[in-house]
Amino acid sequence: MLYGNGVIAGITLSDHRLRSPMNFFLHNFSFVEIWFPLVTVSKLLAGFFLGCQTMSFAGCMAQCYFYFLLGAADFLLLGVMSFDHYQAICNLLHSPVLMTVHFCLKLVCSS
């Protein structure tokens, strides 16, 4: 899962022909999908290899915060991607005018 999302992020950044709003949102979505499981898996692996089975309250709250933050960003990016697809299908000629780079950055930052 991490490798596949890393490949998607790398390909969308490396090829200049993939500079569309859909691929921009896909790149950001794969970036969030890389960090989303790492929030919990990193502590799990540290506990497994180091043998430390306890977690402080502050660490637990930080892990919960980042887990829910990245989960919410994940769902909001899916909503933004569906809005982009709606614009591309229903308003074919107006889509390039509406989905500018500045507007796409606003949508990603708001999620």
N, C-alpha and C. Protein backbone atom coordinates (compact mmCIF):
# COMPACT_ATOMS: atom_id res chain seq x y z
N MET A 1 0.83 -1.19 0.00
CA MET A 1 0.00 0.00 0.00
C MET A 1 0.87 1.24 0.00
N LEU A 2 1.89 1.27 0.83
CA LEU A 2 2.76 2.43 0.88
C LEU A 2 3.56 2.57 -0.41
N TYR A 3 4.01 1.45 -0.93
CA TYR A 3 4.79 1.48 -2.16
C TYR A 3 3.95 1.95 -3.35
N GLY A 4 2.74 1.45 -3.44
CA GLY A 4 1.86 1.84 -4.55
C GLY A 4 1.52 3.32 -4.51
N ASN A 5 1.23 3.85 -3.33
CA ASN A 5 0.95 5.28 -3.23
C ASN A 5 2.18 6.11 -3.50
N GLY A 6 3.35 5.61 -3.12
CA GLY A 6 4.59 6.31 -3.43
C GLY A 6 4.86 6.35 -4.93
N VAL A 7 4.56 5.26 -5.61
CA VAL A 7 4.72 5.23 -7.07
C VAL A 7 3.76 6.21 -7.74
N ILE A 8 2.53 6.25 -7.28
CA ILE A 8 1.55 7.19 -7.84
C ILE A 8 2.01 8.62 -7.63
N ALA A 9 2.48 8.94 -6.43
CA ALA A 9 2.94 10.31 -6.15
C ALA A 9 4.16 10.64 -7.00
N GLY A 10 5.07 9.70 -7.16
CA GLY A 10 6.26 9.95 -7.96
C GLY A 10 5.96 10.14 -9.43
N ILE A 11 5.07 9.32 -9.97
CA ILE A 11 4.73 9.43 -11.39
C ILE A 11 4.00 10.73 -11.69
N THR A 12 3.07 11.12 -10.82
CA THR A 12 2.33 12.36 -11.09
C THR A 12 3.22 13.59 -10.96
N LEU A 13 4.30 13.50 -10.20
CA LEU A 13 5.23 14.63 -10.11
C LEU A 13 6.24 14.64 -11.25
N SER A 14 6.64 13.48 -11.72
CA SER A 14 7.74 13.41 -12.68
C SER A 14 7.33 13.72 -14.12
N ASP A 15 6.13 13.36 -14.51
CA ASP A 15 5.72 13.52 -15.90
C ASP A 15 4.95 14.83 -16.07
N HIS A 16 5.43 15.67 -16.97
CA HIS A 16 4.78 16.98 -17.17
C HIS A 16 3.43 16.87 -17.87
N ARG A 17 3.17 15.75 -18.53
CA ARG A 17 1.87 15.57 -19.19
C ARG A 17 0.76 15.27 -18.20
N LEU A 18 1.11 14.96 -16.97
CA LEU A 18 0.12 14.64 -15.95
C LEU A 18 -0.16 15.84 -15.03
N ARG A 19 -0.16 17.02 -15.58
CA ARG A 19 -0.39 18.24 -14.80
C ARG A 19 -1.85 18.70 -14.90
N SER A 20 -2.76 17.78 -14.72
CA SER A 20 -4.18 18.13 -14.73
C SER A 20 -4.67 18.22 -13.29
N PRO A 21 -5.81 18.87 -13.06
CA PRO A 21 -6.34 18.94 -11.69
C PRO A 21 -6.61 17.56 -11.09
N MET A 22 -7.10 16.62 -11.91
CA MET A 22 -7.39 15.29 -11.40
C MET A 22 -6.12 14.62 -10.86
N ASN A 23 -5.03 14.73 -11.59
CA ASN A 23 -3.77 14.12 -11.14
C ASN A 23 -3.15 14.88 -9.98
N PHE A 24 -3.39 16.18 -9.91
CA PHE A 24 -2.93 16.96 -8.76
C PHE A 24 -3.62 16.49 -7.49
N PHE A 25 -4.94 16.29 -7.57
CA PHE A 25 -5.68 15.79 -6.42
C PHE A 25 -5.29 14.35 -6.10
N LEU A 26 -5.03 13.55 -7.12
CA LEU A 26 -4.60 12.17 -6.91
C LEU A 26 -3.25 12.12 -6.21
N HIS A 27 -2.34 13.02 -6.57
CA HIS A 27 -1.04 13.09 -5.90
C HIS A 27 -1.21 13.42 -4.42
N ASN A 28 -2.03 14.40 -4.11
CA ASN A 28 -2.25 14.78 -2.72
C ASN A 28 -2.97 13.67 -1.96
N PHE A 29 -3.89 13.00 -2.61
CA PHE A 29 -4.59 11.89 -1.98
C PHE A 29 -3.63 10.75 -1.65
N SER A 30 -2.73 10.43 -2.57
CA SER A 30 -1.77 9.35 -2.30
C SER A 30 -0.79 9.76 -1.21
N PHE A 31 -0.46 11.04 -1.12
CA PHE A 31 0.41 11.52 -0.04
C PHE A 31 -0.27 11.34 1.32
N VAL A 32 -1.56 11.68 1.40
CA VAL A 32 -2.29 11.50 2.66
C VAL A 32 -2.44 10.02 2.97
N GLU A 33 -2.64 9.20 1.95
CA GLU A 33 -2.78 7.76 2.15
C GLU A 33 -1.47 7.11 2.59
N ILE A 34 -0.34 7.72 2.31
CA ILE A 34 0.93 7.22 2.81
C ILE A 34 1.04 7.48 4.31
N TRP A 35 0.69 8.69 4.74
CA TRP A 35 0.85 9.08 6.14
C TRP A 35 -0.24 8.55 7.04
N PHE A 36 -1.42 8.27 6.51
CA PHE A 36 -2.55 7.83 7.33
C PHE A 36 -2.27 6.53 8.09
N PRO A 37 -1.81 5.46 7.46
CA PRO A 37 -1.53 4.25 8.25
C PRO A 37 -0.25 4.35 9.08
N LEU A 38 0.68 5.22 8.69
CA LEU A 38 1.93 5.34 9.43
C LEU A 38 1.73 5.91 10.83
N VAL A 39 0.62 6.60 11.04
CA VAL A 39 0.35 7.17 12.36
C VAL A 39 0.24 6.07 13.40
N THR A 40 -0.45 5.01 13.09
CA THR A 40 -0.64 3.93 14.07
C THR A 40 0.38 2.82 13.93
N VAL A 41 0.82 2.55 12.71
CA VAL A 41 1.73 1.43 12.49
C VAL A 41 3.10 1.71 13.09
N SER A 42 3.55 2.96 13.07
CA SER A 42 4.88 3.28 13.60
C SER A 42 4.96 2.97 15.09
N LYS A 43 3.94 3.35 15.85
CA LYS A 43 3.94 3.05 17.29
C LYS A 43 3.78 1.56 17.54
N LEU A 44 2.99 0.90 16.71
CA LEU A 44 2.82 -0.55 16.83
C LEU A 44 4.13 -1.28 16.60
N LEU A 45 4.86 -0.90 15.57
CA LEU A 45 6.14 -1.55 15.29
C LEU A 45 7.18 -1.22 16.35
N ALA A 46 7.18 0.02 16.85
CA ALA A 46 8.11 0.38 17.91
C ALA A 46 7.84 -0.44 19.16
N GLY A 47 6.58 -0.63 19.51
CA GLY A 47 6.23 -1.45 20.66
C GLY A 47 6.58 -2.91 20.45
N PHE A 48 6.46 -3.37 19.23
CA PHE A 48 6.76 -4.77 18.93
C PHE A 48 8.25 -5.05 19.00
N PHE A 49 9.06 -4.19 18.39
CA PHE A 49 10.50 -4.44 18.34
C PHE A 49 11.23 -4.03 19.61
N LEU A 50 10.78 -2.96 20.27
CA LEU A 50 11.46 -2.49 21.47
C LEU A 50 10.91 -3.12 22.74
N GLY A 51 9.74 -3.72 22.65
CA GLY A 51 9.15 -4.38 23.81
C GLY A 51 8.42 -3.44 24.75
N CYS A 52 8.30 -2.20 24.40
CA CYS A 52 7.59 -1.23 25.24
C CYS A 52 6.11 -1.28 24.91
N GLN A 53 5.30 -1.72 25.84
CA GLN A 53 3.88 -1.91 25.58
C GLN A 53 3.02 -0.75 26.10
N THR A 54 3.62 0.23 26.75
CA THR A 54 2.84 1.34 27.30
C THR A 54 2.98 2.57 26.43
N MET A 55 2.00 3.45 26.59
CA MET A 55 2.00 4.71 25.84
C MET A 55 1.53 5.80 26.77
N SER A 56 2.17 6.95 26.69
CA SER A 56 1.76 8.05 27.55
C SER A 56 0.44 8.63 27.05
N PHE A 57 -0.21 9.37 27.93
CA PHE A 57 -1.48 9.98 27.56
C PHE A 57 -1.28 11.01 26.46
N ALA A 58 -0.20 11.80 26.57
CA ALA A 58 0.08 12.81 25.54
C ALA A 58 0.37 12.15 24.20
N GLY A 59 1.10 11.03 24.22
CA GLY A 59 1.36 10.30 22.99
C GLY A 59 0.10 9.73 22.37
N CYS A 60 -0.79 9.25 23.22
CA CYS A 60 -2.06 8.70 22.74
C CYS A 60 -2.92 9.80 22.12
N MET A 61 -2.96 10.96 22.78
CA MET A 61 -3.75 12.07 22.25
C MET A 61 -3.16 12.59 20.94
N ALA A 62 -1.83 12.63 20.85
CA ALA A 62 -1.19 13.07 19.61
C ALA A 62 -1.48 12.09 18.48
N GLN A 63 -1.44 10.79 18.79
CA GLN A 63 -1.73 9.78 17.78
C GLN A 63 -3.19 9.87 17.33
N CYS A 64 -4.10 10.07 18.26
CA CYS A 64 -5.52 10.22 17.91
C CYS A 64 -5.74 11.47 17.07
N TYR A 65 -5.07 12.56 17.44
CA TYR A 65 -5.23 13.81 16.70
C TYR A 65 -4.80 13.63 15.24
N PHE A 66 -3.60 13.09 15.02
CA PHE A 66 -3.12 12.92 13.66
C PHE A 66 -3.91 11.87 12.89
N TYR A 67 -4.38 10.85 13.57
CA TYR A 67 -5.20 9.83 12.91
C TYR A 67 -6.50 10.43 12.40
N PHE A 68 -7.19 11.18 13.25
CA PHE A 68 -8.45 11.78 12.82
C PHE A 68 -8.24 12.94 11.85
N LEU A 69 -7.15 13.69 11.99
CA LEU A 69 -6.85 14.77 11.07
C LEU A 69 -6.61 14.23 9.67
N LEU A 70 -5.78 13.19 9.57
CA LEU A 70 -5.50 12.62 8.25
C LEU A 70 -6.71 11.86 7.70
N GLY A 71 -7.51 11.25 8.57
CA GLY A 71 -8.73 10.59 8.11
C GLY A 71 -9.73 11.58 7.54
N ALA A 72 -9.88 12.72 8.21
CA ALA A 72 -10.79 13.76 7.71
C ALA A 72 -10.26 14.35 6.42
N ALA A 73 -8.95 14.57 6.33
CA ALA A 73 -8.36 15.09 5.09
C ALA A 73 -8.55 14.10 3.95
N ASP A 74 -8.49 12.82 4.26
CA ASP A 74 -8.71 11.77 3.27
C ASP A 74 -10.12 11.87 2.67
N PHE A 75 -11.11 11.97 3.54
CA PHE A 75 -12.50 12.07 3.06
C PHE A 75 -12.77 13.38 2.35
N LEU A 76 -12.19 14.47 2.83
CA LEU A 76 -12.39 15.75 2.16
C LEU A 76 -11.74 15.77 0.79
N LEU A 77 -10.58 15.15 0.66
CA LEU A 77 -9.95 15.06 -0.66
C LEU A 77 -10.77 14.20 -1.62
N LEU A 78 -11.41 13.17 -1.12
CA LEU A 78 -12.31 12.39 -1.98
C LEU A 78 -13.48 13.25 -2.45
N GLY A 79 -13.98 14.10 -1.59
CA GLY A 79 -15.05 15.03 -1.99
C GLY A 79 -14.57 16.03 -3.02
N VAL A 80 -13.37 16.54 -2.86
CA VAL A 80 -12.81 17.48 -3.82
C VAL A 80 -12.59 16.79 -5.16
N MET A 81 -12.11 15.55 -5.12
CA MET A 81 -11.92 14.81 -6.37
C MET A 81 -13.24 14.55 -7.07
N SER A 82 -14.29 14.27 -6.31
CA SER A 82 -15.60 14.05 -6.94
C SER A 82 -16.13 15.35 -7.52
N PHE A 83 -15.87 16.49 -6.87
CA PHE A 83 -16.27 17.79 -7.43
C PHE A 83 -15.53 18.05 -8.73
N ASP A 84 -14.25 17.73 -8.79
CA ASP A 84 -13.47 17.91 -10.01
C ASP A 84 -14.01 17.03 -11.13
N HIS A 85 -14.34 15.78 -10.82
CA HIS A 85 -14.91 14.90 -11.84
C HIS A 85 -16.28 15.40 -12.31
N TYR A 86 -17.08 15.91 -11.40
CA TYR A 86 -18.37 16.47 -11.76
C TYR A 86 -18.19 17.65 -12.72
N GLN A 87 -17.25 18.53 -12.41
CA GLN A 87 -17.01 19.67 -13.28
C GLN A 87 -16.49 19.22 -14.65
N ALA A 88 -15.64 18.21 -14.67
CA ALA A 88 -15.07 17.74 -15.94
C ALA A 88 -16.12 17.06 -16.81
N ILE A 89 -17.12 16.43 -16.19
CA ILE A 89 -18.13 15.71 -16.97
C ILE A 89 -19.30 16.62 -17.34
N CYS A 90 -19.84 17.33 -16.37
CA CYS A 90 -21.06 18.10 -16.61
C CYS A 90 -20.79 19.47 -17.23
N ASN A 91 -19.70 20.08 -16.90
CA ASN A 91 -19.36 21.40 -17.45
C ASN A 91 -18.03 21.30 -18.18
N LEU A 92 -18.04 20.57 -19.27
CA LEU A 92 -16.81 20.24 -19.98
C LEU A 92 -16.04 21.47 -20.45
N LEU A 93 -16.73 22.45 -20.98
CA LEU A 93 -16.04 23.62 -21.51
C LEU A 93 -15.67 24.63 -20.42
N HIS A 94 -16.38 24.63 -19.31
CA HIS A 94 -16.09 25.57 -18.23
C HIS A 94 -15.09 25.02 -17.21
N SER A 95 -14.83 23.75 -17.29
CA SER A 95 -13.96 23.12 -16.30
C SER A 95 -12.54 23.69 -16.29
N PRO A 96 -11.88 23.89 -17.44
CA PRO A 96 -10.53 24.46 -17.39
C PRO A 96 -10.50 25.90 -16.85
N VAL A 97 -11.59 26.62 -17.05
CA VAL A 97 -11.65 27.99 -16.54
C VAL A 97 -11.84 28.00 -15.03
N LEU A 98 -12.66 27.08 -14.53
CA LEU A 98 -12.94 27.03 -13.09
C LEU A 98 -11.81 26.38 -12.31
N MET A 99 -11.29 25.29 -12.80
CA MET A 99 -10.28 24.52 -12.05
C MET A 99 -8.88 25.01 -12.38
N THR A 100 -8.59 26.23 -11.99
CA THR A 100 -7.26 26.78 -12.18
C THR A 100 -6.31 26.23 -11.10
N VAL A 101 -5.04 26.49 -11.28
CA VAL A 101 -4.05 26.01 -10.31
C VAL A 101 -4.30 26.66 -8.95
N HIS A 102 -4.63 27.93 -8.95
CA HIS A 102 -4.88 28.65 -7.70
C HIS A 102 -6.10 28.08 -6.97
N PHE A 103 -7.16 27.78 -7.71
CA PHE A 103 -8.36 27.22 -7.11
C PHE A 103 -8.12 25.80 -6.60
N CYS A 104 -7.34 25.01 -7.36
CA CYS A 104 -7.01 23.65 -6.91
C CYS A 104 -6.19 23.67 -5.62
N LEU A 105 -5.26 24.62 -5.53
CA LEU A 105 -4.47 24.76 -4.30
C LEU A 105 -5.36 25.15 -3.12
N LYS A 106 -6.34 26.01 -3.37
CA LYS A 106 -7.28 26.39 -2.31
C LYS A 106 -8.08 25.19 -1.84
N LEU A 107 -8.52 24.35 -2.78
CA LEU A 107 -9.29 23.18 -2.41
C LEU A 107 -8.47 22.18 -1.61
N VAL A 108 -7.22 21.98 -2.01
CA VAL A 108 -6.37 21.03 -1.29
C VAL A 108 -6.03 21.57 0.10
N CYS A 109 -5.71 22.85 0.18
CA CYS A 109 -5.37 23.43 1.49
C CYS A 109 -6.58 23.46 2.42
N SER A 110 -7.77 23.64 1.88
CA SER A 110 -8.95 23.65 2.73
C SER A 110 -9.28 22.25 3.25
N SER A 111 -8.87 21.23 2.53
CA SER A 111 -9.14 19.88 3.04
C SER A 111 -8.07 19.50 4.05
